[in-house]
Amino acid sequence: MSVELKIERELDGLCALACLHLEADEKRRMARRLEELIKALRRIQEVDTAEVEPAAYPAALPVRFREDEVEPSLPPEQVFENTANRSGQYFHVPRIAGEEREES
């Protein structure tokens, strides 16, 4: 299987997961961009990092701490004053998990 065909198959899977539809020319352009990205990442993987210590941040920065201070919470009336979608002490939002995508 050619690299280009493999990338296009992976792209098909990603588009299905993201609920995207790409036209054939868009898919070819995207596959070329992904191939360029993969080549760049392979070059990065070739860099010898055996002597480099892992770091959480690219630069050493001083740690700035502040004292924790207990502050009162906002009253519910103030929290909900800008919404009409309220269910008791909770925000009411539409359910999105598990819904099927509507075909247009």
PDB file of N, CA and C in Angstrom:
ATOM      1  N   MET A   1       0.858  -1.175   0.000  1.00  0.00           N
ATOM      2  CA  MET A   1       0.000   0.000   0.000  1.00  0.00           C
ATOM      3  C   MET A   1       0.898   1.231   0.000  1.00  0.00           C
ATOM      4  N   SER A   2       0.630   2.184  -0.882  1.00  0.00           N
ATOM      5  CA  SER A   2       1.445   3.390  -0.958  1.00  0.00           C
ATOM      6  C   SER A   2       1.164   4.292   0.246  1.00  0.00           C
ATOM      7  N   VAL A   3       2.148   5.144   0.534  1.00  0.00           N
ATOM      8  CA  VAL A   3       2.004   6.078   1.661  1.00  0.00           C
ATOM      9  C   VAL A   3       0.818   7.001   1.426  1.00  0.00           C
ATOM     10  N   GLU A   4       0.672   7.464   0.187  1.00  0.00           N
ATOM     11  CA  GLU A   4      -0.428   8.378  -0.139  1.00  0.00           C
ATOM     12  C   GLU A   4      -1.784   7.715   0.105  1.00  0.00           C
ATOM     13  N   LEU A   5      -1.924   6.457  -0.318  1.00  0.00           N
ATOM     14  CA  LEU A   5      -3.183   5.742  -0.113  1.00  0.00           C
ATOM     15  C   LEU A   5      -3.436   5.522   1.372  1.00  0.00           C
ATOM     16  N   LYS A   6      -2.382   5.195   2.106  1.00  0.00           N
ATOM     17  CA  LYS A   6      -2.530   4.985   3.550  1.00  0.00           C
ATOM     18  C   LYS A   6      -2.985   6.274   4.235  1.00  0.00           C
ATOM     19  N   ILE A   7      -2.382   7.399   3.847  1.00  0.00           N
ATOM     20  CA  ILE A   7      -2.766   8.686   4.439  1.00  0.00           C
ATOM     21  C   ILE A   7      -4.213   9.010   4.094  1.00  0.00           C
ATOM     22  N   GLU A   8      -4.624   8.753   2.856  1.00  0.00           N
ATOM     23  CA  GLU A   8      -6.019   9.034   2.475  1.00  0.00           C
ATOM     24  C   GLU A   8      -6.993   8.167   3.261  1.00  0.00           C
ATOM     25  N   ARG A   9      -6.632   6.911   3.518  1.00  0.00           N
ATOM     26  CA  ARG A   9      -7.513   6.039   4.316  1.00  0.00           C
ATOM     27  C   ARG A   9      -7.609   6.545   5.750  1.00  0.00           C
ATOM     28  N   GLU A  10      -6.464   6.965   6.314  1.00  0.00           N
ATOM     29  CA  GLU A  10      -6.478   7.535   7.662  1.00  0.00           C
ATOM     30  C   GLU A  10      -7.321   8.809   7.690  1.00  0.00           C
ATOM     31  N   LEU A  11      -7.181   9.620   6.658  1.00  0.00           N
ATOM     32  CA  LEU A  11      -7.952  10.858   6.558  1.00  0.00           C
ATOM     33  C   LEU A  11      -9.450  10.566   6.492  1.00  0.00           C
ATOM     34  N   ASP A  12      -9.832   9.526   5.756  1.00  0.00           N
ATOM     35  CA  ASP A  12     -11.243   9.127   5.708  1.00  0.00           C
ATOM     36  C   ASP A  12     -11.762   8.802   7.106  1.00  0.00           C
ATOM     37  N   GLY A  13     -10.956   8.072   7.879  1.00  0.00           N
ATOM     38  CA  GLY A  13     -11.350   7.725   9.242  1.00  0.00           C
ATOM     39  C   GLY A  13     -11.473   8.943  10.131  1.00  0.00           C
ATOM     40  N   LEU A  14     -10.515   9.873  10.016  1.00  0.00           N
ATOM     41  CA  LEU A  14     -10.570  11.103  10.815  1.00  0.00           C
ATOM     42  C   LEU A  14     -11.786  11.952  10.455  1.00  0.00           C
ATOM     43  N   CYS A  15     -12.074  12.035   9.157  1.00  0.00           N
ATOM     44  CA  CYS A  15     -13.243  12.810   8.722  1.00  0.00           C
ATOM     45  C   CYS A  15     -14.529  12.195   9.254  1.00  0.00           C
ATOM     46  N   ALA A  16     -14.598  10.877   9.271  1.00  0.00           N
ATOM     47  CA  ALA A  16     -15.790  10.220   9.801  1.00  0.00           C
ATOM     48  C   ALA A  16     -15.951  10.523  11.294  1.00  0.00           C
ATOM     49  N   LEU A  17     -14.842  10.476  12.038  1.00  0.00           N
ATOM     50  CA  LEU A  17     -14.910  10.771  13.471  1.00  0.00           C
ATOM     51  C   LEU A  17     -15.312  12.217  13.734  1.00  0.00           C
ATOM     52  N   ALA A  18     -14.840  13.125  12.887  1.00  0.00           N
ATOM     53  CA  ALA A  18     -15.125  14.545  13.074  1.00  0.00           C
ATOM     54  C   ALA A  18     -16.403  14.987  12.368  1.00  0.00           C
ATOM     55  N   CYS A  19     -17.100  14.047  11.738  1.00  0.00           N
ATOM     56  CA  CYS A  19     -18.332  14.348  10.999  1.00  0.00           C
ATOM     57  C   CYS A  19     -18.081  15.416   9.934  1.00  0.00           C
ATOM     58  N   LEU A  20     -16.970  15.271   9.200  1.00  0.00           N
ATOM     59  CA  LEU A  20     -16.614  16.195   8.129  1.00  0.00           C
ATOM     60  C   LEU A  20     -16.756  15.501   6.786  1.00  0.00           C
ATOM     61  N   HIS A  21     -17.140  16.264   5.792  1.00  0.00           N
ATOM     62  CA  HIS A  21     -17.178  15.744   4.431  1.00  0.00           C
ATOM     63  C   HIS A  21     -16.219  16.581   3.594  1.00  0.00           C
ATOM     64  N   LEU A  22     -15.212  15.930   3.017  1.00  0.00           N
ATOM     65  CA  LEU A  22     -14.275  16.620   2.147  1.00  0.00           C
ATOM     66  C   LEU A  22     -14.499  16.166   0.717  1.00  0.00           C
ATOM     67  N   GLU A  23     -14.478  17.127  -0.188  1.00  0.00           N
ATOM     68  CA  GLU A  23     -14.536  16.795  -1.609  1.00  0.00           C
ATOM     69  C   GLU A  23     -13.211  16.143  -1.995  1.00  0.00           C
ATOM     70  N   ALA A  24     -13.168  15.496  -3.156  1.00  0.00           N
ATOM     71  CA  ALA A  24     -11.978  14.765  -3.579  1.00  0.00           C
ATOM     72  C   ALA A  24     -10.745  15.665  -3.651  1.00  0.00           C
ATOM     73  N   ASP A  25     -10.894  16.875  -4.199  1.00  0.00           N
ATOM     74  CA  ASP A  25      -9.730  17.766  -4.304  1.00  0.00           C
ATOM     75  C   ASP A  25      -9.281  18.260  -2.930  1.00  0.00           C
ATOM     76  N   GLU A  26     -10.237  18.499  -2.021  1.00  0.00           N
ATOM     77  CA  GLU A  26      -9.892  18.890  -0.656  1.00  0.00           C
ATOM     78  C   GLU A  26      -9.136  17.756   0.039  1.00  0.00           C
ATOM     79  N   LYS A  27      -9.603  16.534  -0.181  1.00  0.00           N
ATOM     80  CA  LYS A  27      -8.973  15.374   0.435  1.00  0.00           C
ATOM     81  C   LYS A  27      -7.534  15.209  -0.070  1.00  0.00           C
ATOM     82  N   ARG A  28      -7.301  15.412  -1.372  1.00  0.00           N
ATOM     83  CA  ARG A  28      -5.948  15.307  -1.923  1.00  0.00           C
ATOM     84  C   ARG A  28      -5.031  16.374  -1.338  1.00  0.00           C
ATOM     85  N   ARG A  29      -5.546  17.619  -1.245  1.00  0.00           N
ATOM     86  CA  ARG A  29      -4.746  18.701  -0.657  1.00  0.00           C
ATOM     87  C   ARG A  29      -4.407  18.401   0.796  1.00  0.00           C
ATOM     88  N   MET A  30      -5.400  17.944   1.547  1.00  0.00           N
ATOM     89  CA  MET A  30      -5.192  17.638   2.956  1.00  0.00           C
ATOM     90  C   MET A  30      -4.207  16.485   3.113  1.00  0.00           C
ATOM     91  N   ALA A  31      -4.300  15.470   2.252  1.00  0.00           N
ATOM     92  CA  ALA A  31      -3.384  14.334   2.313  1.00  0.00           C
ATOM     93  C   ALA A  31      -1.952  14.800   2.049  1.00  0.00           C
ATOM     94  N   ARG A  32      -1.774  15.722   1.087  1.00  0.00           N
ATOM     95  CA  ARG A  32      -0.426  16.248   0.821  1.00  0.00           C
ATOM     96  C   ARG A  32       0.107  17.010   2.033  1.00  0.00           C
ATOM     97  N   ARG A  33      -0.741  17.813   2.652  1.00  0.00           N
ATOM     98  CA  ARG A  33      -0.313  18.561   3.837  1.00  0.00           C
ATOM     99  C   ARG A  33       0.064  17.606   4.979  1.00  0.00           C
ATOM    100  N   LEU A  34      -0.742  16.575   5.166  1.00  0.00           N
ATOM    101  CA  LEU A  34      -0.440  15.606   6.219  1.00  0.00           C
ATOM    102  C   LEU A  34       0.865  14.882   5.937  1.00  0.00           C
ATOM    103  N   GLU A  35       1.109  14.562   4.670  1.00  0.00           N
ATOM    104  CA  GLU A  35       2.354  13.888   4.304  1.00  0.00           C
ATOM    105  C   GLU A  35       3.551  14.792   4.606  1.00  0.00           C
ATOM    106  N   GLU A  36       3.441  16.086   4.303  1.00  0.00           N
ATOM    107  CA  GLU A  36       4.510  17.034   4.620  1.00  0.00           C
ATOM    108  C   GLU A  36       4.738  17.106   6.125  1.00  0.00           C
ATOM    109  N   LEU A  37       3.660  17.102   6.891  1.00  0.00           N
ATOM    110  CA  LEU A  37       3.762  17.148   8.339  1.00  0.00           C
ATOM    111  C   LEU A  37       4.459  15.894   8.870  1.00  0.00           C
ATOM    112  N   ILE A  38       4.087  14.744   8.349  1.00  0.00           N
ATOM    113  CA  ILE A  38       4.701  13.490   8.784  1.00  0.00           C
ATOM    114  C   ILE A  38       6.193  13.494   8.470  1.00  0.00           C
ATOM    115  N   LYS A  39       6.585  14.003   7.304  1.00  0.00           N
ATOM    116  CA  LYS A  39       8.008  14.088   6.960  1.00  0.00           C
ATOM    117  C   LYS A  39       8.745  14.992   7.948  1.00  0.00           C
ATOM    118  N   ALA A  40       8.155  16.125   8.302  1.00  0.00           N
ATOM    119  CA  ALA A  40       8.780  17.041   9.253  1.00  0.00           C
ATOM    120  C   ALA A  40       8.925  16.379  10.624  1.00  0.00           C
ATOM    121  N   LEU A  41       7.906  15.648  11.047  1.00  0.00           N
ATOM    122  CA  LEU A  41       7.970  14.970  12.344  1.00  0.00           C
ATOM    123  C   LEU A  41       9.030  13.879  12.342  1.00  0.00           C
ATOM    124  N   ARG A  42       9.192  13.195  11.219  1.00  0.00           N
ATOM    125  CA  ARG A  42      10.247  12.176  11.129  1.00  0.00           C
ATOM    126  C   ARG A  42      11.628  12.805  11.273  1.00  0.00           C
ATOM    127  N   ARG A  43      11.824  14.000  10.693  1.00  0.00           N
ATOM    128  CA  ARG A  43      13.112  14.680  10.839  1.00  0.00           C
ATOM    129  C   ARG A  43      13.360  15.040  12.302  1.00  0.00           C
ATOM    130  N   ILE A  44      12.315  15.459  12.998  1.00  0.00           N
ATOM    131  CA  ILE A  44      12.455  15.792  14.415  1.00  0.00           C
ATOM    132  C   ILE A  44      12.814  14.550  15.212  1.00  0.00           C
ATOM    133  N   GLN A  45      12.222  13.405  14.871  1.00  0.00           N
ATOM    134  CA  GLN A  45      12.518  12.164  15.586  1.00  0.00           C
ATOM    135  C   GLN A  45      13.963  11.725  15.414  1.00  0.00           C
ATOM    136  N   GLU A  46      14.624  12.179  14.356  1.00  0.00           N
ATOM    137  CA  GLU A  46      16.013  11.801  14.105  1.00  0.00           C
ATOM    138  C   GLU A  46      16.996  12.554  14.994  1.00  0.00           C
ATOM    139  N   VAL A  47      16.560  13.611  15.673  1.00  0.00           N
ATOM    140  CA  VAL A  47      17.446  14.393  16.536  1.00  0.00           C
ATOM    141  C   VAL A  47      17.824  13.554  17.747  1.00  0.00           C
ATOM    142  N   ASP A  48      19.135  13.502  18.032  1.00  0.00           N
ATOM    143  CA  ASP A  48      19.636  12.732  19.170  1.00  0.00           C
ATOM    144  C   ASP A  48      19.386  13.507  20.461  1.00  0.00           C
ATOM    145  N   THR A  49      18.511  12.983  21.297  1.00  0.00           N
ATOM    146  CA  THR A  49      18.166  13.641  22.560  1.00  0.00           C
ATOM    147  C   THR A  49      18.597  12.811  23.763  1.00  0.00           C
ATOM    148  N   ALA A  50      19.531  11.875  23.551  1.00  0.00           N
ATOM    149  CA  ALA A  50      19.955  10.968  24.628  1.00  0.00           C
ATOM    150  C   ALA A  50      20.528  11.732  25.817  1.00  0.00           C
ATOM    151  N   GLU A  51      21.230  12.832  25.576  1.00  0.00           N
ATOM    152  CA  GLU A  51      21.883  13.581  26.650  1.00  0.00           C
ATOM    153  C   GLU A  51      21.036  14.751  27.167  1.00  0.00           C
ATOM    154  N   VAL A  52      19.813  14.859  26.699  1.00  0.00           N
ATOM    155  CA  VAL A  52      18.958  15.978  27.084  1.00  0.00           C
ATOM    156  C   VAL A  52      17.998  15.536  28.174  1.00  0.00           C
ATOM    157  N   GLU A  53      17.972  16.299  29.267  1.00  0.00           N
ATOM    158  CA  GLU A  53      17.056  15.968  30.359  1.00  0.00           C
ATOM    159  C   GLU A  53      15.638  16.400  30.001  1.00  0.00           C
ATOM    160  N   PRO A  54      14.638  15.585  30.330  1.00  0.00           N
ATOM    161  CA  PRO A  54      13.252  15.989  30.062  1.00  0.00           C
ATOM    162  C   PRO A  54      12.895  17.238  30.867  1.00  0.00           C
ATOM    163  N   ALA A  55      12.045  18.063  30.295  1.00  0.00           N
ATOM    164  CA  ALA A  55      11.624  19.285  30.970  1.00  0.00           C
ATOM    165  C   ALA A  55      10.123  19.475  30.776  1.00  0.00           C
ATOM    166  N   ALA A  56       9.471  20.016  31.795  1.00  0.00           N
ATOM    167  CA  ALA A  56       8.045  20.304  31.686  1.00  0.00           C
ATOM    168  C   ALA A  56       7.815  21.610  30.946  1.00  0.00           C
ATOM    169  N   TYR A  57       8.798  22.515  31.000  1.00  0.00           N
ATOM    170  CA  TYR A  57       8.698  23.815  30.348  1.00  0.00           C
ATOM    171  C   TYR A  57       9.964  24.064  29.528  1.00  0.00           C
ATOM    172  N   PRO A  58       9.878  24.818  28.455  1.00  0.00           N
ATOM    173  CA  PRO A  58      11.069  25.064  27.634  1.00  0.00           C
ATOM    174  C   PRO A  58      12.110  25.953  28.310  1.00  0.00           C
ATOM    175  N   ALA A  59      11.729  26.705  29.324  1.00  0.00           N
ATOM    176  CA  ALA A  59      12.672  27.579  30.027  1.00  0.00           C
ATOM    177  C   ALA A  59      12.436  27.446  31.525  1.00  0.00           C
ATOM    178  N   ALA A  60      13.520  27.515  32.279  1.00  0.00           N
ATOM    179  CA  ALA A  60      13.390  27.442  33.739  1.00  0.00           C
ATOM    180  C   ALA A  60      12.841  28.765  34.246  1.00  0.00           C
ATOM    181  N   LEU A  61      11.700  28.717  34.869  1.00  0.00           N
ATOM    182  CA  LEU A  61      11.064  29.922  35.397  1.00  0.00           C
ATOM    183  C   LEU A  61      10.945  29.804  36.906  1.00  0.00           C
ATOM    184  N   PRO A  62      11.036  30.922  37.606  1.00  0.00           N
ATOM    185  CA  PRO A  62      10.849  30.851  39.057  1.00  0.00           C
ATOM    186  C   PRO A  62       9.394  30.498  39.388  1.00  0.00           C
ATOM    187  N   VAL A  63       9.226  29.730  40.432  1.00  0.00           N
ATOM    188  CA  VAL A  63       7.884  29.340  40.855  1.00  0.00           C
ATOM    189  C   VAL A  63       7.325  30.451  41.744  1.00  0.00           C
ATOM    190  N   ARG A  64       6.150  30.920  41.370  1.00  0.00           N
ATOM    191  CA  ARG A  64       5.525  31.996  42.144  1.00  0.00           C
ATOM    192  C   ARG A  64       4.281  31.429  42.829  1.00  0.00           C
ATOM    193  N   PHE A  65       4.329  31.423  44.125  1.00  0.00           N
ATOM    194  CA  PHE A  65       3.197  30.939  44.898  1.00  0.00           C
ATOM    195  C   PHE A  65       2.518  32.113  45.580  1.00  0.00           C
ATOM    196  N   ARG A  66       1.269  31.937  45.892  1.00  0.00           N
ATOM    197  CA  ARG A  66       0.556  32.916  46.687  1.00  0.00           C
ATOM    198  C   ARG A  66      -0.185  32.158  47.784  1.00  0.00           C
ATOM    199  N   GLU A  67      -0.477  32.826  48.818  1.00  0.00           N
ATOM    200  CA  GLU A  67      -1.221  32.209  49.917  1.00  0.00           C
ATOM    201  C   GLU A  67      -2.662  31.964  49.496  1.00  0.00           C
ATOM    202  N   ASP A  68      -3.188  30.808  49.841  1.00  0.00           N
ATOM    203  CA  ASP A  68      -4.595  30.527  49.588  1.00  0.00           C
ATOM    204  C   ASP A  68      -5.426  31.294  50.608  1.00  0.00           C
ATOM    205  N   GLU A  69      -6.419  31.982  50.119  1.00  0.00           N
ATOM    206  CA  GLU A  69      -7.311  32.716  51.002  1.00  0.00           C
ATOM    207  C   GLU A  69      -8.738  32.279  50.720  1.00  0.00           C
ATOM    208  N   VAL A  70      -9.452  31.949  51.756  1.00  0.00           N
ATOM    209  CA  VAL A  70     -10.843  31.543  51.613  1.00  0.00           C
ATOM    210  C   VAL A  70     -11.679  32.781  51.363  1.00  0.00           C
ATOM    211  N   GLU A  71     -12.465  32.734  50.295  1.00  0.00           N
ATOM    212  CA  GLU A  71     -13.351  33.838  49.960  1.00  0.00           C
ATOM    213  C   GLU A  71     -14.761  33.296  49.815  1.00  0.00           C
ATOM    214  N   PRO A  72     -15.756  34.094  50.109  1.00  0.00           N
ATOM    215  CA  PRO A  72     -17.128  33.603  49.983  1.00  0.00           C
ATOM    216  C   PRO A  72     -17.497  33.369  48.513  1.00  0.00           C
ATOM    217  N   SER A  73     -18.340  32.375  48.288  1.00  0.00           N
ATOM    218  CA  SER A  73     -18.835  32.094  46.943  1.00  0.00           C
ATOM    219  C   SER A  73     -19.884  33.120  46.556  1.00  0.00           C
ATOM    220  N   LEU A  74     -20.143  33.206  45.260  1.00  0.00           N
ATOM    221  CA  LEU A  74     -21.204  34.094  44.796  1.00  0.00           C
ATOM    222  C   LEU A  74     -22.559  33.518  45.203  1.00  0.00           C
ATOM    223  N   PRO A  75     -23.507  34.368  45.519  1.00  0.00           N
ATOM    224  CA  PRO A  75     -24.848  33.860  45.827  1.00  0.00           C
ATOM    225  C   PRO A  75     -25.499  33.330  44.536  1.00  0.00           C
ATOM    226  N   PRO A  76     -26.348  32.290  44.632  1.00  0.00           N
ATOM    227  CA  PRO A  76     -26.977  31.715  43.439  1.00  0.00           C
ATOM    228  C   PRO A  76     -27.716  32.742  42.588  1.00  0.00           C
ATOM    229  N   GLU A  77     -28.351  33.737  43.196  1.00  0.00           N
ATOM    230  CA  GLU A  77     -29.072  34.737  42.419  1.00  0.00           C
ATOM    231  C   GLU A  77     -28.128  35.484  41.466  1.00  0.00           C
ATOM    232  N   GLN A  78     -26.928  35.771  41.937  1.00  0.00           N
ATOM    233  CA  GLN A  78     -25.961  36.477  41.103  1.00  0.00           C
ATOM    234  C   GLN A  78     -25.389  35.547  40.026  1.00  0.00           C
ATOM    235  N   VAL A  79     -25.191  34.280  40.357  1.00  0.00           N
ATOM    236  CA  VAL A  79     -24.656  33.316  39.393  1.00  0.00           C
ATOM    237  C   VAL A  79     -25.625  33.140  38.229  1.00  0.00           C
ATOM    238  N   PHE A  80     -26.899  33.046  38.514  1.00  0.00           N
ATOM    239  CA  PHE A  80     -27.895  32.748  37.491  1.00  0.00           C
ATOM    240  C   PHE A  80     -28.595  33.981  36.922  1.00  0.00           C
ATOM    241  N   GLU A  81     -28.144  35.176  37.256  1.00  0.00           N
ATOM    242  CA  GLU A  81     -28.886  36.361  36.834  1.00  0.00           C
ATOM    243  C   GLU A  81     -28.872  36.586  35.318  1.00  0.00           C
ATOM    244  N   ASN A  82     -27.924  36.030  34.589  1.00  0.00           N
ATOM    245  CA  ASN A  82     -27.842  36.260  33.149  1.00  0.00           C
ATOM    246  C   ASN A  82     -28.280  35.059  32.307  1.00  0.00           C
ATOM    247  N   THR A  83     -28.969  34.114  32.906  1.00  0.00           N
ATOM    248  CA  THR A  83     -29.427  32.968  32.135  1.00  0.00           C
ATOM    249  C   THR A  83     -30.920  32.734  32.342  1.00  0.00           C
ATOM    250  N   ALA A  84     -31.553  32.301  31.280  1.00  0.00           N
ATOM    251  CA  ALA A  84     -32.963  31.911  31.389  1.00  0.00           C
ATOM    252  C   ALA A  84     -33.058  30.397  31.516  1.00  0.00           C
ATOM    253  N   ASN A  85     -31.941  29.713  31.267  1.00  0.00           N
ATOM    254  CA  ASN A  85     -31.927  28.245  31.289  1.00  0.00           C
ATOM    255  C   ASN A  85     -31.406  27.742  32.625  1.00  0.00           C
ATOM    256  N   ARG A  86     -32.313  27.654  33.574  1.00  0.00           N
ATOM    257  CA  ARG A  86     -31.947  27.247  34.923  1.00  0.00           C
ATOM    258  C   ARG A  86     -32.864  26.126  35.377  1.00  0.00           C
ATOM    259  N   SER A  87     -32.263  25.123  36.000  1.00  0.00           N
ATOM    260  CA  SER A  87     -33.026  24.044  36.615  1.00  0.00           C
ATOM    261  C   SER A  87     -32.618  23.988  38.078  1.00  0.00           C
ATOM    262  N   GLY A  88     -33.374  24.652  38.928  1.00  0.00           N
ATOM    263  CA  GLY A  88     -33.028  24.691  40.348  1.00  0.00           C
ATOM    264  C   GLY A  88     -31.711  25.402  40.556  1.00  0.00           C
ATOM    265  N   GLN A  89     -30.737  24.696  41.142  1.00  0.00           N
ATOM    266  CA  GLN A  89     -29.418  25.264  41.396  1.00  0.00           C
ATOM    267  C   GLN A  89     -28.418  24.905  40.295  1.00  0.00           C
ATOM    268  N   TYR A  90     -28.906  24.514  39.106  1.00  0.00           N
ATOM    269  CA  TYR A  90     -28.035  24.093  38.007  1.00  0.00           C
ATOM    270  C   TYR A  90     -28.382  24.842  36.733  1.00  0.00           C
ATOM    271  N   PHE A  91     -27.386  24.979  35.851  1.00  0.00           N
ATOM    272  CA  PHE A  91     -27.631  25.483  34.511  1.00  0.00           C
ATOM    273  C   PHE A  91     -28.252  24.362  33.700  1.00  0.00           C
ATOM    274  N   HIS A  92     -29.254  24.676  32.905  1.00  0.00           N
ATOM    275  CA  HIS A  92     -29.875  23.686  32.038  1.00  0.00           C
ATOM    276  C   HIS A  92     -29.288  23.868  30.643  1.00  0.00           C
ATOM    277  N   VAL A  93     -28.640  22.810  30.132  1.00  0.00           N
ATOM    278  CA  VAL A  93     -28.032  22.873  28.807  1.00  0.00           C
ATOM    279  C   VAL A  93     -28.567  21.720  27.970  1.00  0.00           C
ATOM    280  N   PRO A  94     -28.591  21.879  26.643  1.00  0.00           N
ATOM    281  CA  PRO A  94     -29.077  20.783  25.804  1.00  0.00           C
ATOM    282  C   PRO A  94     -28.118  19.601  25.843  1.00  0.00           C
ATOM    283  N   ARG A  95     -28.672  18.418  25.771  1.00  0.00           N
ATOM    284  CA  ARG A  95     -27.866  17.207  25.774  1.00  0.00           C
ATOM    285  C   ARG A  95     -27.199  17.067  24.407  1.00  0.00           C
ATOM    286  N   ILE A  96     -25.901  16.791  24.398  1.00  0.00           N
ATOM    287  CA  ILE A  96     -25.202  16.591  23.138  1.00  0.00           C
ATOM    288  C   ILE A  96     -24.530  15.233  23.077  1.00  0.00           C
ATOM    289  N   ALA A  97     -24.220  14.638  24.201  1.00  0.00           N
ATOM    290  CA  ALA A  97     -23.549  13.338  24.202  1.00  0.00           C
ATOM    291  C   ALA A  97     -24.509  12.257  23.729  1.00  0.00           C
ATOM    292  N   GLY A  98     -24.059  11.478  22.775  1.00  0.00           N
ATOM    293  CA  GLY A  98     -24.851  10.358  22.301  1.00  0.00           C
ATOM    294  C   GLY A  98     -25.868  10.698  21.241  1.00  0.00           C
ATOM    295  N   GLU A  99     -25.990  11.956  20.890  1.00  0.00           N
ATOM    296  CA  GLU A  99     -26.953  12.310  19.852  1.00  0.00           C
ATOM    297  C   GLU A  99     -26.387  11.958  18.481  1.00  0.00           C
ATOM    298  N   GLU A 100     -27.251  11.559  17.586  1.00  0.00           N
ATOM    299  CA  GLU A 100     -26.849  11.258  16.221  1.00  0.00           C
ATOM    300  C   GLU A 100     -26.836  12.540  15.418  1.00  0.00           C
ATOM    301  N   ARG A 101     -25.904  12.637  14.480  1.00  0.00           N
ATOM    302  CA  ARG A 101     -25.811  13.807  13.604  1.00  0.00           C
ATOM    303  C   ARG A 101     -26.921  13.747  12.575  1.00  0.00           C
ATOM    304  N   GLU A 102     -27.583  14.891  12.396  1.00  0.00           N
ATOM    305  CA  GLU A 102     -28.629  14.945  11.390  1.00  0.00           C
ATOM    306  C   GLU A 102     -28.011  15.136  10.015  1.00  0.00           C
ATOM    307  N   GLU A 103     -28.427  14.350   9.037  1.00  0.00           N
ATOM    308  CA  GLU A 103     -27.944  14.486   7.665  1.00  0.00           C
ATOM    309  C   GLU A 103     -28.679  15.633   7.003  1.00  0.00           C
ATOM    310  N   SER A 104     -27.942  16.453   6.243  1.00  0.00           N
ATOM    311  CA  SER A 104     -28.597  17.582   5.568  1.00  0.00           C
ATOM    312  C   SER A 104     -28.684  17.348   4.087  1.00  0.00           C
TER     313      SER A 104
END
